Amino acid sequence: MDIKQAIIIVLSGFVGSIGFSLLFRMNKQKIIFAAIGGGLTCLVYVVAFNFSEKSFFQNLFPALFATAYSEILARLTKSPSTPYIAISIIPLVPGSKLYYTMYYLITDNDLAFKEYFLETLRIAGGLGVGIILVSVIIREINYHKFKHIYDME
C-alpha cells in the first residue's frame, strides 16, 4: 500500500466516523473525539496491513487500539465507551466482504462463497477478539480498583 492510499483510508475513516456520529445522534461536543478515533483506528489498520498479510491480525490491532481509545475517552468525557467503540470500529466493518458472501450464497457459487465467508469470519474474529481483550482487561482493572464496592454487594 502506498502513502496516497494510506492517506485516503485514514481520511475516509475520519469523515466516515463523523457521518456515523451524526447518524447515531452523538453529542456534538463528542463528535470530534469519535472522528479522531475512527481516523486513528484506520491509521493503525494501515500500519497493521503493512506488517501482516493475515486479515485477522490486520483487524485485531486496530480493534485493540479502538477499544483502548474508547475506554480512555469514556473516562475523560465521563460518558459510556460503547458509542466511541462503535464509531471507531465502523470503518473496519467488512461490508463488501459480507455483501459478496451473501451474494455468492444466493447465486450458488459455493467456491466463492466459502472464500468470502472465511475472510469475513477472519475479519470479524479479529475485531471481536480485540474488543473483548481490552474490555476484559479494563473490567479486571476496575474490579481491583473498586473491589471494596463489589464486596459490599
C-alpha atoms as a PDB file:
ATOM      1  CA  MET A   1       0.000   0.000   0.000  1.00  0.00           C
ATOM      2  CA  ASP A   2       1.449   3.365  -0.972  1.00  0.00           C
ATOM      3  CA  ILE A   3       1.244   6.584   1.019  1.00  0.00           C
ATOM      4  CA  LYS A   4      -1.564   8.015  -1.128  1.00  0.00           C
ATOM      5  CA  GLN A   5      -3.807   5.016  -0.425  1.00  0.00           C
ATOM      6  CA  ALA A   6      -2.945   5.191   3.274  1.00  0.00           C
ATOM      7  CA  ILE A   7      -3.908   8.867   3.476  1.00  0.00           C
ATOM      8  CA  ILE A   8      -7.194   8.176   1.665  1.00  0.00           C
ATOM      9  CA  ILE A   9      -8.005   5.343   4.094  1.00  0.00           C
ATOM     10  CA  VAL A  10      -7.264   7.463   7.181  1.00  0.00           C
ATOM     11  CA  LEU A  11      -9.232  10.471   5.892  1.00  0.00           C
ATOM     12  CA  SER A  12     -12.125   8.235   4.872  1.00  0.00           C
ATOM     13  CA  GLY A  13     -12.172   6.711   8.351  1.00  0.00           C
ATOM     14  CA  PHE A  14     -12.212  10.182   9.895  1.00  0.00           C
ATOM     15  CA  VAL A  15     -15.000  11.529   7.656  1.00  0.00           C
ATOM     16  CA  GLY A  16     -16.996   8.299   7.835  1.00  0.00           C
ATOM     17  CA  SER A  17     -16.823   8.403  11.619  1.00  0.00           C
ATOM     18  CA  ILE A  18     -18.243  11.931  11.566  1.00  0.00           C
ATOM     19  CA  GLY A  19     -21.115  10.648   9.446  1.00  0.00           C
ATOM     20  CA  PHE A  20     -21.871   7.765  11.790  1.00  0.00           C
ATOM     21  CA  SER A  21     -21.569  10.068  14.806  1.00  0.00           C
ATOM     22  CA  LEU A  22     -24.288  12.225  13.276  1.00  0.00           C
ATOM     23  CA  LEU A  23     -26.355   9.150  12.401  1.00  0.00           C
ATOM     24  CA  PHE A  24     -26.092   7.896  15.999  1.00  0.00           C
ATOM     25  CA  ARG A  25     -27.036  11.397  17.222  1.00  0.00           C
ATOM     26  CA  MET A  26     -23.918  11.684  19.300  1.00  0.00           C
ATOM     27  CA  ASN A  27     -23.434  14.755  21.445  1.00  0.00           C
ATOM     28  CA  LYS A  28     -21.956  17.447  19.189  1.00  0.00           C
ATOM     29  CA  GLN A  29     -19.046  18.158  21.559  1.00  0.00           C
ATOM     30  CA  LYS A  30     -18.002  14.490  21.389  1.00  0.00           C
ATOM     31  CA  ILE A  31     -18.224  14.020  17.603  1.00  0.00           C
ATOM     32  CA  ILE A  32     -14.670  15.245  17.018  1.00  0.00           C
ATOM     33  CA  PHE A  33     -13.307  12.738  19.556  1.00  0.00           C
ATOM     34  CA  ALA A  34     -15.179   9.910  17.865  1.00  0.00           C
ATOM     35  CA  ALA A  35     -13.981  11.044  14.430  1.00  0.00           C
ATOM     36  CA  ILE A  36     -10.381  11.193  15.624  1.00  0.00           C
ATOM     37  CA  GLY A  37     -10.861   7.657  16.964  1.00  0.00           C
ATOM     38  CA  GLY A  38     -12.066   6.461  13.567  1.00  0.00           C
ATOM     39  CA  GLY A  39      -9.161   8.133  11.782  1.00  0.00           C
ATOM     40  CA  LEU A  40      -6.556   6.818  14.224  1.00  0.00           C
ATOM     41  CA  THR A  41      -8.067   3.333  14.057  1.00  0.00           C
ATOM     42  CA  CYS A  42      -7.673   3.447  10.283  1.00  0.00           C
ATOM     43  CA  LEU A  43      -4.074   4.588  10.734  1.00  0.00           C
ATOM     44  CA  VAL A  44      -3.405   1.575  12.967  1.00  0.00           C
ATOM     45  CA  TYR A  45      -5.069  -0.591  10.295  1.00  0.00           C
ATOM     46  CA  VAL A  46      -2.732   0.791   7.622  1.00  0.00           C
ATOM     47  CA  VAL A  47       0.294   0.028   9.799  1.00  0.00           C
ATOM     48  CA  ALA A  48      -1.004  -3.474  10.612  1.00  0.00           C
ATOM     49  CA  PHE A  49      -1.762  -4.059   6.923  1.00  0.00           C
ATOM     50  CA  ASN A  50       1.853  -3.317   6.050  1.00  0.00           C
ATOM     51  CA  PHE A  51       3.195  -5.648   8.753  1.00  0.00           C
ATOM     52  CA  SER A  52       0.898  -8.650   8.348  1.00  0.00           C
ATOM     53  CA  GLU A  53      -0.711 -10.470   5.453  1.00  0.00           C
ATOM     54  CA  LYS A  54      -3.286 -12.109   7.720  1.00  0.00           C
ATOM     55  CA  SER A  55      -6.606 -10.286   7.816  1.00  0.00           C
ATOM     56  CA  PHE A  56      -7.178 -11.463  11.403  1.00  0.00           C
ATOM     57  CA  PHE A  57      -4.141  -9.515  12.632  1.00  0.00           C
ATOM     58  CA  GLN A  58      -4.816  -6.598  10.292  1.00  0.00           C
ATOM     59  CA  ASN A  59      -8.063  -6.105  12.223  1.00  0.00           C
ATOM     60  CA  LEU A  60      -7.023  -7.310  15.687  1.00  0.00           C
ATOM     61  CA  PHE A  61      -4.561  -4.496  16.346  1.00  0.00           C
ATOM     62  CA  PRO A  62      -6.875  -1.683  15.198  1.00  0.00           C
ATOM     63  CA  ALA A  63      -9.649  -3.190  17.341  1.00  0.00           C
ATOM     64  CA  LEU A  64      -7.309  -3.278  20.343  1.00  0.00           C
ATOM     65  CA  PHE A  65      -6.443   0.360  19.739  1.00  0.00           C
ATOM     66  CA  ALA A  66     -10.041   1.472  19.122  1.00  0.00           C
ATOM     67  CA  THR A  67     -11.273  -0.187  22.296  1.00  0.00           C
ATOM     68  CA  ALA A  68      -8.457   1.222  24.434  1.00  0.00           C
ATOM     69  CA  TYR A  69      -9.001   4.670  22.901  1.00  0.00           C
ATOM     70  CA  SER A  70     -12.739   4.423  23.573  1.00  0.00           C
ATOM     71  CA  GLU A  71     -12.257   3.347  27.182  1.00  0.00           C
ATOM     72  CA  ILE A  72      -9.827   6.198  27.840  1.00  0.00           C
ATOM     73  CA  LEU A  73     -12.087   8.724  26.136  1.00  0.00           C
ATOM     74  CA  ALA A  74     -15.097   7.461  28.069  1.00  0.00           C
ATOM     75  CA  ARG A  75     -13.273   8.179  31.338  1.00  0.00           C
ATOM     76  CA  LEU A  76     -12.152  11.621  30.185  1.00  0.00           C
ATOM     77  CA  THR A  77     -15.569  12.681  28.907  1.00  0.00           C
ATOM     78  CA  LYS A  78     -17.499  10.887  31.690  1.00  0.00           C
ATOM     79  CA  SER A  79     -19.668   9.026  29.220  1.00  0.00           C
ATOM     80  CA  PRO A  80     -20.150   5.399  28.115  1.00  0.00           C
ATOM     81  CA  SER A  81     -17.476   3.849  25.932  1.00  0.00           C
ATOM     82  CA  THR A  82     -19.918   1.970  23.668  1.00  0.00           C
ATOM     83  CA  PRO A  83     -20.648   4.836  21.227  1.00  0.00           C
ATOM     84  CA  TYR A  84     -16.928   5.552  20.892  1.00  0.00           C
ATOM     85  CA  ILE A  85     -16.156   1.876  20.246  1.00  0.00           C
ATOM     86  CA  ALA A  86     -18.946   1.530  17.693  1.00  0.00           C
ATOM     87  CA  ILE A  87     -17.913   4.638  15.786  1.00  0.00           C
ATOM     88  CA  SER A  88     -14.195   3.846  15.901  1.00  0.00           C
ATOM     89  CA  ILE A  89     -14.762   0.292  14.643  1.00  0.00           C
ATOM     90  CA  ILE A  90     -17.224   1.221  11.869  1.00  0.00           C
ATOM     91  CA  PRO A  91     -14.503   1.873   9.256  1.00  0.00           C
ATOM     92  CA  LEU A  92     -13.200  -1.675   9.765  1.00  0.00           C
ATOM     93  CA  VAL A  93     -16.515  -3.489   9.332  1.00  0.00           C
ATOM     94  CA  PRO A  94     -16.222  -5.798   6.308  1.00  0.00           C
ATOM     95  CA  GLY A  95     -19.287  -4.535   4.447  1.00  0.00           C
ATOM     96  CA  SER A  96     -18.249  -5.536   0.938  1.00  0.00           C
ATOM     97  CA  LYS A  97     -16.979  -8.942   2.077  1.00  0.00           C
ATOM     98  CA  LEU A  98     -20.285  -9.604   3.822  1.00  0.00           C
ATOM     99  CA  TYR A  99     -22.226  -8.442   0.756  1.00  0.00           C
ATOM    100  CA  TYR A 100     -20.299 -10.759  -1.572  1.00  0.00           C
ATOM    101  CA  THR A 101     -20.611 -13.618   0.920  1.00  0.00           C
ATOM    102  CA  MET A 102     -24.391 -13.326   0.776  1.00  0.00           C
ATOM    103  CA  TYR A 103     -24.369 -12.744  -2.981  1.00  0.00           C
ATOM    104  CA  TYR A 104     -22.396 -15.930  -3.653  1.00  0.00           C
ATOM    105  CA  LEU A 105     -24.581 -17.872  -1.231  1.00  0.00           C
ATOM    106  CA  ILE A 106     -27.721 -16.829  -3.091  1.00  0.00           C
ATOM    107  CA  THR A 107     -26.216 -17.443  -6.549  1.00  0.00           C
ATOM    108  CA  ASP A 108     -24.969 -20.933  -5.517  1.00  0.00           C
ATOM    109  CA  ASN A 109     -21.305 -20.157  -6.197  1.00  0.00           C
ATOM    110  CA  ASP A 110     -20.010 -22.407  -3.428  1.00  0.00           C
ATOM    111  CA  LEU A 111     -16.306 -21.840  -4.005  1.00  0.00           C
ATOM    112  CA  ALA A 112     -16.539 -18.033  -3.939  1.00  0.00           C
ATOM    113  CA  PHE A 113     -18.998 -18.203  -1.025  1.00  0.00           C
ATOM    114  CA  LYS A 114     -16.569 -20.247   1.047  1.00  0.00           C
ATOM    115  CA  GLU A 115     -13.673 -17.891   0.263  1.00  0.00           C
ATOM    116  CA  TYR A 116     -15.610 -14.733   1.176  1.00  0.00           C
ATOM    117  CA  PHE A 117     -17.259 -16.353   4.188  1.00  0.00           C
ATOM    118  CA  LEU A 118     -13.934 -17.392   5.706  1.00  0.00           C
ATOM    119  CA  GLU A 119     -12.413 -13.971   5.027  1.00  0.00           C
ATOM    120  CA  THR A 120     -15.409 -12.274   6.662  1.00  0.00           C
ATOM    121  CA  LEU A 121     -15.053 -14.567   9.684  1.00  0.00           C
ATOM    122  CA  ARG A 122     -11.338 -13.764   9.992  1.00  0.00           C
ATOM    123  CA  ILE A 123     -12.021 -10.031   9.918  1.00  0.00           C
ATOM    124  CA  ALA A 124     -14.945 -10.253  12.344  1.00  0.00           C
ATOM    125  CA  GLY A 125     -12.902 -12.549  14.584  1.00  0.00           C
ATOM    126  CA  GLY A 126     -10.035 -10.064  14.721  1.00  0.00           C
ATOM    127  CA  LEU A 127     -12.412  -7.240  15.591  1.00  0.00           C
ATOM    128  CA  GLY A 128     -14.236  -9.292  18.211  1.00  0.00           C
ATOM    129  CA  VAL A 129     -11.113 -10.628  19.900  1.00  0.00           C
ATOM    130  CA  GLY A 130      -9.565  -7.153  20.020  1.00  0.00           C
ATOM    131  CA  ILE A 131     -12.646  -5.636  21.622  1.00  0.00           C
ATOM    132  CA  ILE A 132     -13.024  -8.474  24.123  1.00  0.00           C
ATOM    133  CA  LEU A 133      -9.365  -8.492  25.186  1.00  0.00           C
ATOM    134  CA  VAL A 134      -9.278  -4.818  26.083  1.00  0.00           C
ATOM    135  CA  SER A 135     -12.744  -4.917  27.669  1.00  0.00           C
ATOM    136  CA  VAL A 136     -11.759  -7.823  29.926  1.00  0.00           C
ATOM    137  CA  ILE A 137      -8.539  -6.087  30.961  1.00  0.00           C
ATOM    138  CA  ILE A 138     -10.439  -2.860  31.767  1.00  0.00           C
ATOM    139  CA  ARG A 139     -13.035  -4.826  33.711  1.00  0.00           C
ATOM    140  CA  GLU A 140     -10.335  -6.529  35.782  1.00  0.00           C
ATOM    141  CA  ILE A 141      -8.601  -3.219  36.469  1.00  0.00           C
ATOM    142  CA  ASN A 142     -11.901  -1.669  37.568  1.00  0.00           C
ATOM    143  CA  TYR A 143     -12.714  -4.699  39.721  1.00  0.00           C
ATOM    144  CA  HIS A 144      -9.439  -4.474  41.619  1.00  0.00           C
ATOM    145  CA  LYS A 145      -9.645  -0.692  41.838  1.00  0.00           C
ATOM    146  CA  PHE A 146     -13.184  -0.783  43.248  1.00  0.00           C
ATOM    147  CA  LYS A 147     -13.073  -4.176  44.948  1.00  0.00           C
ATOM    148  CA  HIS A 148     -14.394  -2.722  48.191  1.00  0.00           C
ATOM    149  CA  ILE A 149     -17.600  -1.702  46.380  1.00  0.00           C
ATOM    150  CA  TYR A 150     -18.054  -5.142  44.775  1.00  0.00           C
ATOM    151  CA  ASP A 151     -17.528  -6.850  48.140  1.00  0.00           C
ATOM    152  CA  MET A 152     -20.363  -4.854  49.706  1.00  0.00           C
ATOM    153  CA  GLU A 153     -22.948  -6.469  47.421  1.00  0.00           C
END
